Amino acid sequence: MAKARNGSGTHHVVPNPNGGWDVRRGGAERASGHFDTKREAIDRGREISRNAGTEFKIHNQDGRIGQSDSHGNDPRNIKG
């Protein structure tokens, strides 16, 4: 996977252990944002990911990835 210009290739929506949902850049210790609902976190995370051209991963309550989306350029040249 190609890295985004900002140095991180992925943004995640993850459950916060104290309640609610966080949007985090891959490898970051601090959240980019905290939200009461998963829907709010997804909407903001998707916006951030589109602007940064990164992969976007939505985690379930148990921490496993439930959905994944790509907002960057696909560097592979696939022949049809």
C-alpha atoms as a PDB file:
ATOM      1  CA  MET A   1       0.000   0.000   0.000  1.00  0.00           C
ATOM      2  CA  ALA A   2       1.321   3.438  -0.911  1.00  0.00           C
ATOM      3  CA  LYS A   3       1.711   5.953   1.880  1.00  0.00           C
ATOM      4  CA  ALA A   4      -0.292   9.158   1.732  1.00  0.00           C
ATOM      5  CA  ARG A   5       1.405  12.546   1.542  1.00  0.00           C
ATOM      6  CA  ASN A   6       0.844  13.079   5.255  1.00  0.00           C
ATOM      7  CA  GLY A   7       2.990  10.064   6.153  1.00  0.00           C
ATOM      8  CA  SER A   8       0.164   7.755   7.152  1.00  0.00           C
ATOM      9  CA  GLY A   9      -1.751   5.585   4.746  1.00  0.00           C
ATOM     10  CA  THR A  10      -4.819   4.748   6.829  1.00  0.00           C
ATOM     11  CA  HIS A  11      -7.506   6.330   8.982  1.00  0.00           C
ATOM     12  CA  HIS A  12      -9.560   4.205  11.379  1.00  0.00           C
ATOM     13  CA  VAL A  13     -12.850   4.475  13.264  1.00  0.00           C
ATOM     14  CA  VAL A  14     -12.287   2.583  16.515  1.00  0.00           C
ATOM     15  CA  PRO A  15     -14.244   2.100  19.745  1.00  0.00           C
ATOM     16  CA  ASN A  16     -12.988   4.197  22.652  1.00  0.00           C
ATOM     17  CA  PRO A  17     -12.554   2.167  25.872  1.00  0.00           C
ATOM     18  CA  ASN A  18     -14.269   4.963  27.832  1.00  0.00           C
ATOM     19  CA  GLY A  19     -17.284   5.048  25.496  1.00  0.00           C
ATOM     20  CA  GLY A  20     -17.997   6.516  22.106  1.00  0.00           C
ATOM     21  CA  TRP A  21     -15.887   6.255  18.961  1.00  0.00           C
ATOM     22  CA  ASP A  22     -12.565   7.728  17.847  1.00  0.00           C
ATOM     23  CA  VAL A  23     -11.149   8.611  14.451  1.00  0.00           C
ATOM     24  CA  ARG A  24      -7.417   7.835  14.379  1.00  0.00           C
ATOM     25  CA  ARG A  25      -4.659   8.047  11.813  1.00  0.00           C
ATOM     26  CA  GLY A  26      -2.746   4.771  11.582  1.00  0.00           C
ATOM     27  CA  GLY A  27       0.126   4.772  14.065  1.00  0.00           C
ATOM     28  CA  ALA A  28      -1.102   7.861  15.940  1.00  0.00           C
ATOM     29  CA  GLU A  29      -1.350   7.768  19.720  1.00  0.00           C
ATOM     30  CA  ARG A  30      -4.020  10.472  19.913  1.00  0.00           C
ATOM     31  CA  ALA A  31      -7.375  10.495  18.175  1.00  0.00           C
ATOM     32  CA  SER A  32      -8.152  13.022  15.441  1.00  0.00           C
ATOM     33  CA  GLY A  33     -11.656  13.240  16.882  1.00  0.00           C
ATOM     34  CA  HIS A  34     -13.987  11.671  19.452  1.00  0.00           C
ATOM     35  CA  PHE A  35     -17.693  11.132  18.816  1.00  0.00           C
ATOM     36  CA  ASP A  36     -20.645   9.845  20.810  1.00  0.00           C
ATOM     37  CA  THR A  37     -21.969   7.699  17.959  1.00  0.00           C
ATOM     38  CA  LYS A  38     -20.326   5.430  15.436  1.00  0.00           C
ATOM     39  CA  ARG A  39     -22.271   7.168  12.624  1.00  0.00           C
ATOM     40  CA  GLU A  40     -20.770  10.567  13.534  1.00  0.00           C
ATOM     41  CA  ALA A  41     -17.272   9.060  13.653  1.00  0.00           C
ATOM     42  CA  ILE A  42     -17.751   7.341  10.280  1.00  0.00           C
ATOM     43  CA  ASP A  43     -18.988  10.525   8.612  1.00  0.00           C
ATOM     44  CA  ARG A  44     -16.059  12.597   9.903  1.00  0.00           C
ATOM     45  CA  GLY A  45     -13.503   9.835   9.362  1.00  0.00           C
ATOM     46  CA  ARG A  46     -14.614   9.348   5.770  1.00  0.00           C
ATOM     47  CA  GLU A  47     -14.291  13.103   5.150  1.00  0.00           C
ATOM     48  CA  ILE A  48     -10.773  13.158   6.640  1.00  0.00           C
ATOM     49  CA  SER A  49      -9.766  10.064   4.657  1.00  0.00           C
ATOM     50  CA  ARG A  50     -11.047  11.499   1.364  1.00  0.00           C
ATOM     51  CA  ASN A  51      -9.182  14.756   1.930  1.00  0.00           C
ATOM     52  CA  ALA A  52      -5.960  12.907   2.807  1.00  0.00           C
ATOM     53  CA  GLY A  53      -6.329  10.256   0.084  1.00  0.00           C
ATOM     54  CA  THR A  54      -5.941   7.393   2.570  1.00  0.00           C
ATOM     55  CA  GLU A  55      -7.421   3.971   3.206  1.00  0.00           C
ATOM     56  CA  PHE A  56     -10.388   4.093   5.589  1.00  0.00           C
ATOM     57  CA  LYS A  57     -11.142   1.253   7.991  1.00  0.00           C
ATOM     58  CA  ILE A  58     -14.211   0.990  10.218  1.00  0.00           C
ATOM     59  CA  HIS A  59     -13.814  -1.279  13.226  1.00  0.00           C
ATOM     60  CA  ASN A  60     -16.576  -3.147  15.060  1.00  0.00           C
ATOM     61  CA  GLN A  61     -17.151  -2.850  18.805  1.00  0.00           C
ATOM     62  CA  ASP A  62     -14.825  -5.845  19.316  1.00  0.00           C
ATOM     63  CA  GLY A  63     -12.004  -4.028  17.481  1.00  0.00           C
ATOM     64  CA  ARG A  64     -12.044  -6.156  14.318  1.00  0.00           C
ATOM     65  CA  ILE A  65     -12.259  -4.400  10.958  1.00  0.00           C
ATOM     66  CA  GLY A  66     -15.842  -4.499   9.698  1.00  0.00           C
ATOM     67  CA  GLN A  67     -15.534  -2.317   6.589  1.00  0.00           C
ATOM     68  CA  SER A  68     -12.732  -0.920   4.484  1.00  0.00           C
ATOM     69  CA  ASP A  69     -12.686   1.798   1.847  1.00  0.00           C
ATOM     70  CA  SER A  70      -9.956   3.323  -0.301  1.00  0.00           C
ATOM     71  CA  HIS A  71      -9.757   7.025  -1.110  1.00  0.00           C
ATOM     72  CA  GLY A  72      -6.249   7.106  -2.567  1.00  0.00           C
ATOM     73  CA  ASN A  73      -4.910   6.365  -6.005  1.00  0.00           C
ATOM     74  CA  ASP A  74      -4.361   2.713  -6.798  1.00  0.00           C
ATOM     75  CA  PRO A  75      -0.658   2.508  -7.685  1.00  0.00           C
ATOM     76  CA  ARG A  76      -1.021  -0.875  -9.395  1.00  0.00           C
ATOM     77  CA  ASN A  77      -1.315  -1.044 -13.143  1.00  0.00           C
ATOM     78  CA  ILE A  78      -3.859  -3.801 -13.763  1.00  0.00           C
ATOM     79  CA  LYS A  79      -4.192  -5.080 -17.308  1.00  0.00           C
ATOM     80  CA  GLY A  80      -7.671  -6.078 -18.407  1.00  0.00           C
END
